């Protein structure tokens, strides 16, 4: 009877070892996927930063153009106000 118990214990240990090996493989796959996703996220963040920088430049350029246009309009004499 003790041989039967030892066989059952051995089977459970082998099953546990197989489960651990499968979990390790899955964990390695998940680590690789996580690394790939982090790299993808960083790439998107860089692209987004570049786009935001371009928008900021465009906004600054538009503000400068508006202020220059406004100053030019103010410096020109108004016609028709001599009446």
N, C-alpha and C. Protein backbone atom coordinates (compact mmCIF):
# COMPACT_ATOMS: atom_id res chain seq x y z
N UNK A 1 0.82 -1.19 0.00
CA UNK A 1 0.00 0.00 0.00
C UNK A 1 0.87 1.26 0.00
N UNK A 2 1.97 1.24 0.66
CA UNK A 2 2.82 2.41 0.67
C UNK A 2 3.45 2.64 -0.71
N UNK A 3 3.65 1.58 -1.49
CA UNK A 3 4.17 1.73 -2.85
C UNK A 3 3.14 2.47 -3.70
N UNK A 4 1.88 2.15 -3.50
CA UNK A 4 0.81 2.83 -4.23
C UNK A 4 0.76 4.31 -3.87
N UNK A 5 0.92 4.63 -2.60
CA UNK A 5 0.94 6.03 -2.16
C UNK A 5 2.15 6.77 -2.75
N UNK A 6 3.29 6.10 -2.78
CA UNK A 6 4.49 6.72 -3.36
C UNK A 6 4.29 6.97 -4.85
N UNK A 7 3.64 6.05 -5.53
CA UNK A 7 3.36 6.23 -6.96
C UNK A 7 2.42 7.42 -7.19
N UNK A 8 1.41 7.53 -6.34
CA UNK A 8 0.49 8.67 -6.44
C UNK A 8 1.22 9.99 -6.18
N UNK A 9 2.09 9.96 -5.16
CA UNK A 9 2.86 11.16 -4.83
C UNK A 9 3.79 11.52 -5.98
N UNK A 10 4.42 10.52 -6.56
CA UNK A 10 5.32 10.76 -7.69
C UNK A 10 4.55 11.35 -8.87
N UNK A 11 3.37 10.84 -9.13
CA UNK A 11 2.55 11.35 -10.23
C UNK A 11 2.16 12.80 -9.98
N UNK A 12 1.81 13.11 -8.73
CA UNK A 12 1.45 14.50 -8.39
C UNK A 12 2.65 15.43 -8.52
N UNK A 13 3.82 14.97 -8.10
CA UNK A 13 5.02 15.79 -8.21
C UNK A 13 5.34 16.04 -9.68
N UNK A 14 5.27 15.00 -10.51
CA UNK A 14 5.53 15.16 -11.93
C UNK A 14 4.53 16.11 -12.58
N UNK A 15 3.28 15.99 -12.18
CA UNK A 15 2.24 16.88 -12.71
C UNK A 15 2.52 18.33 -12.30
N UNK A 16 2.94 18.52 -11.06
CA UNK A 16 3.25 19.85 -10.57
C UNK A 16 4.45 20.43 -11.31
N UNK A 17 5.45 19.61 -11.55
CA UNK A 17 6.64 20.07 -12.28
C UNK A 17 6.26 20.46 -13.70
N UNK A 18 5.43 19.67 -14.36
CA UNK A 18 4.97 20.00 -15.71
C UNK A 18 4.19 21.32 -15.72
N UNK A 19 3.34 21.47 -14.72
CA UNK A 19 2.57 22.71 -14.62
C UNK A 19 3.49 23.92 -14.44
N UNK A 20 4.52 23.75 -13.59
CA UNK A 20 5.47 24.84 -13.36
C UNK A 20 6.23 25.18 -14.64
N UNK A 21 6.63 24.17 -15.40
CA UNK A 21 7.33 24.41 -16.65
C UNK A 21 6.44 25.14 -17.64
N UNK A 22 5.19 24.75 -17.72
CA UNK A 22 4.25 25.43 -18.61
C UNK A 22 4.05 26.88 -18.18
N UNK A 23 3.93 27.10 -16.88
CA UNK A 23 3.75 28.46 -16.37
C UNK A 23 5.00 29.31 -16.63
N UNK A 24 6.18 28.72 -16.51
CA UNK A 24 7.41 29.46 -16.81
C UNK A 24 7.45 29.85 -18.29
N UNK A 25 7.08 28.93 -19.16
CA UNK A 25 7.05 29.25 -20.59
C UNK A 25 6.06 30.38 -20.88
N UNK A 26 4.90 30.27 -20.25
CA UNK A 26 3.88 31.31 -20.44
C UNK A 26 4.38 32.65 -19.90
N UNK A 27 5.07 32.60 -18.77
CA UNK A 27 5.60 33.83 -18.18
C UNK A 27 6.65 34.45 -19.11
N UNK A 28 7.51 33.63 -19.70
CA UNK A 28 8.51 34.15 -20.64
C UNK A 28 7.83 34.79 -21.84
N UNK A 29 6.80 34.14 -22.36
CA UNK A 29 6.05 34.72 -23.49
C UNK A 29 5.44 36.05 -23.11
N UNK A 30 4.87 36.12 -21.93
CA UNK A 30 4.23 37.35 -21.48
C UNK A 30 5.26 38.46 -21.25
N UNK A 31 6.44 38.09 -20.77
CA UNK A 31 7.50 39.09 -20.59
C UNK A 31 7.93 39.66 -21.95
N UNK A 32 8.06 38.79 -22.94
CA UNK A 32 8.43 39.25 -24.28
C UNK A 32 7.35 40.16 -24.85
N UNK A 33 6.10 39.76 -24.67
CA UNK A 33 4.99 40.58 -25.16
C UNK A 33 4.95 41.93 -24.45
N UNK A 34 5.20 41.90 -23.15
CA UNK A 34 5.21 43.13 -22.37
C UNK A 34 6.32 44.07 -22.85
N UNK A 35 7.48 43.52 -23.12
CA UNK A 35 8.59 44.31 -23.63
C UNK A 35 8.24 44.93 -24.98
N UNK A 36 7.64 44.13 -25.85
CA UNK A 36 7.24 44.64 -27.17
C UNK A 36 6.21 45.76 -27.02
N UNK A 37 5.26 45.57 -26.12
CA UNK A 37 4.23 46.59 -25.91
C UNK A 37 4.83 47.87 -25.32
N UNK A 38 5.79 47.74 -24.43
CA UNK A 38 6.45 48.92 -23.87
C UNK A 38 7.18 49.70 -24.96
N UNK A 39 7.87 48.95 -25.84
CA UNK A 39 8.58 49.61 -26.94
C UNK A 39 7.61 50.31 -27.88
N UNK A 40 6.49 49.65 -28.15
CA UNK A 40 5.46 50.26 -29.01
C UNK A 40 4.90 51.52 -28.36
N UNK A 41 4.67 51.45 -27.05
CA UNK A 41 4.14 52.61 -26.31
C UNK A 41 5.12 53.77 -26.38
N UNK A 42 6.41 53.48 -26.20
CA UNK A 42 7.42 54.53 -26.27
C UNK A 42 7.46 55.16 -27.65
N UNK A 43 7.33 54.33 -28.69
CA UNK A 43 7.33 54.86 -30.06
C UNK A 43 6.13 55.78 -30.27
N UNK A 44 4.97 55.38 -29.78
CA UNK A 44 3.77 56.21 -29.92
C UNK A 44 3.92 57.51 -29.13
N UNK A 45 4.53 57.42 -27.95
CA UNK A 45 4.73 58.62 -27.15
C UNK A 45 5.65 59.60 -27.87
N UNK A 46 6.70 59.07 -28.52
CA UNK A 46 7.60 59.94 -29.28
C UNK A 46 6.87 60.60 -30.44
N UNK A 47 6.06 59.81 -31.15
CA UNK A 47 5.30 60.37 -32.28
C UNK A 47 4.33 61.43 -31.79
N UNK A 48 3.66 61.14 -30.69
CA UNK A 48 2.69 62.09 -30.14
C UNK A 48 3.39 63.37 -29.70
N UNK A 49 4.55 63.22 -29.06
CA UNK A 49 5.32 64.40 -28.64
C UNK A 49 5.72 65.25 -29.83
N UNK A 50 6.15 64.58 -30.91
CA UNK A 50 6.54 65.32 -32.11
C UNK A 50 5.34 66.06 -32.69
N UNK A 51 4.19 65.40 -32.74
CA UNK A 51 2.99 66.06 -33.26
C UNK A 51 2.58 67.25 -32.39
N UNK A 52 2.63 67.06 -31.09
CA UNK A 52 2.28 68.17 -30.19
C UNK A 52 3.25 69.33 -30.37
N UNK A 53 4.53 69.00 -30.58
CA UNK A 53 5.51 70.04 -30.82
C UNK A 53 5.20 70.82 -32.09
N UNK A 54 4.80 70.09 -33.13
CA UNK A 54 4.45 70.75 -34.39
C UNK A 54 3.22 71.64 -34.22
N UNK A 55 2.22 71.15 -33.48
CA UNK A 55 1.03 71.96 -33.22
C UNK A 55 1.41 73.22 -32.45
N UNK A 56 2.28 73.06 -31.48
CA UNK A 56 2.72 74.20 -30.69
C UNK A 56 3.43 75.22 -31.58
N UNK A 57 4.30 74.73 -32.47
CA UNK A 57 5.00 75.62 -33.40
C UNK A 57 4.00 76.34 -34.30
N UNK A 58 3.02 75.60 -34.81
CA UNK A 58 2.01 76.20 -35.68
C UNK A 58 1.21 77.26 -34.92
N UNK A 59 0.88 76.96 -33.68
CA UNK A 59 0.11 77.90 -32.87
C UNK A 59 0.94 79.17 -32.61
N UNK A 60 2.21 78.99 -32.29
CA UNK A 60 3.09 80.14 -32.06
C UNK A 60 3.24 80.97 -33.33
N UNK A 61 3.41 80.29 -34.44
CA UNK A 61 3.56 80.97 -35.73
C UNK A 61 2.28 81.74 -36.06
N UNK A 62 1.13 81.14 -35.81
CA UNK A 62 -0.15 81.80 -36.09
C UNK A 62 -0.32 83.01 -35.18
N UNK A 63 0.08 82.89 -33.93
CA UNK A 63 -0.04 84.02 -32.99
C UNK A 63 0.86 85.16 -33.43
N UNK A 64 2.08 84.84 -33.86
CA UNK A 64 3.00 85.88 -34.32
C UNK A 64 2.45 86.57 -35.56
N UNK A 65 1.89 85.79 -36.47
CA UNK A 65 1.33 86.35 -37.70
C UNK A 65 0.15 87.26 -37.38
N UNK A 66 -0.69 86.83 -36.45
CA UNK A 66 -1.85 87.64 -36.06
C UNK A 66 -1.40 88.95 -35.42
N UNK A 67 -0.39 88.88 -34.56
CA UNK A 67 0.05 90.10 -33.90
C UNK A 67 0.73 91.03 -34.90
N UNK A 68 1.48 90.48 -35.86
CA UNK A 68 2.10 91.31 -36.88
C UNK A 68 1.04 91.94 -37.77
N UNK A 69 0.02 91.18 -38.14
CA UNK A 69 -1.05 91.70 -38.97
C UNK A 69 -1.84 92.77 -38.22
N UNK A 70 -2.06 92.54 -36.96
CA UNK A 70 -2.77 93.52 -36.13
C UNK A 70 -1.97 94.80 -35.99
N UNK A 71 -0.69 94.71 -35.79
CA UNK A 71 0.15 95.90 -35.67
C UNK A 71 0.21 96.66 -36.98
N UNK A 72 0.26 95.98 -38.09
CA UNK A 72 0.31 96.62 -39.41
C UNK A 72 -1.01 97.34 -39.68
N UNK A 73 -2.12 96.76 -39.28
CA UNK A 73 -3.42 97.39 -39.51
C UNK A 73 -3.56 98.63 -38.64
N UNK A 74 -3.03 98.59 -37.44
CA UNK A 74 -3.13 99.74 -36.54
C UNK A 74 -2.26 100.90 -37.01
N UNK A 75 -1.14 100.61 -37.65
CA UNK A 75 -0.23 101.67 -38.08
C UNK A 75 -0.67 102.35 -39.37
N UNK A 76 -1.59 101.73 -40.11
CA UNK A 76 -2.09 102.35 -41.34
C UNK A 76 -3.18 103.35 -41.00
N UNK A 77 -3.16 104.53 -41.61
CA UNK A 77 -4.23 105.52 -41.34
C UNK A 77 -5.55 105.02 -41.90
N UNK A 78 -6.59 105.32 -41.18
CA UNK A 78 -7.90 104.92 -41.62
C UNK A 78 -8.43 105.90 -42.65
N UNK A 79 -8.96 105.40 -43.72
CA UNK A 79 -9.50 106.26 -44.77
C UNK A 79 -10.96 106.55 -44.50
N UNK A 80 -11.39 107.74 -44.87
CA UNK A 80 -12.80 108.09 -44.72
C UNK A 80 -13.14 108.67 -43.37
N UNK A 81 -12.16 108.91 -42.53
CA UNK A 81 -12.47 109.48 -41.21
C UNK A 81 -12.31 110.98 -41.21
N UNK A 82 -12.03 111.61 -42.36
CA UNK A 82 -11.86 113.06 -42.45
C UNK A 82 -13.18 113.77 -42.67
N UNK A 83 -14.26 113.15 -42.63
CA UNK A 83 -15.57 113.76 -42.91
C UNK A 83 -16.06 114.61 -41.80
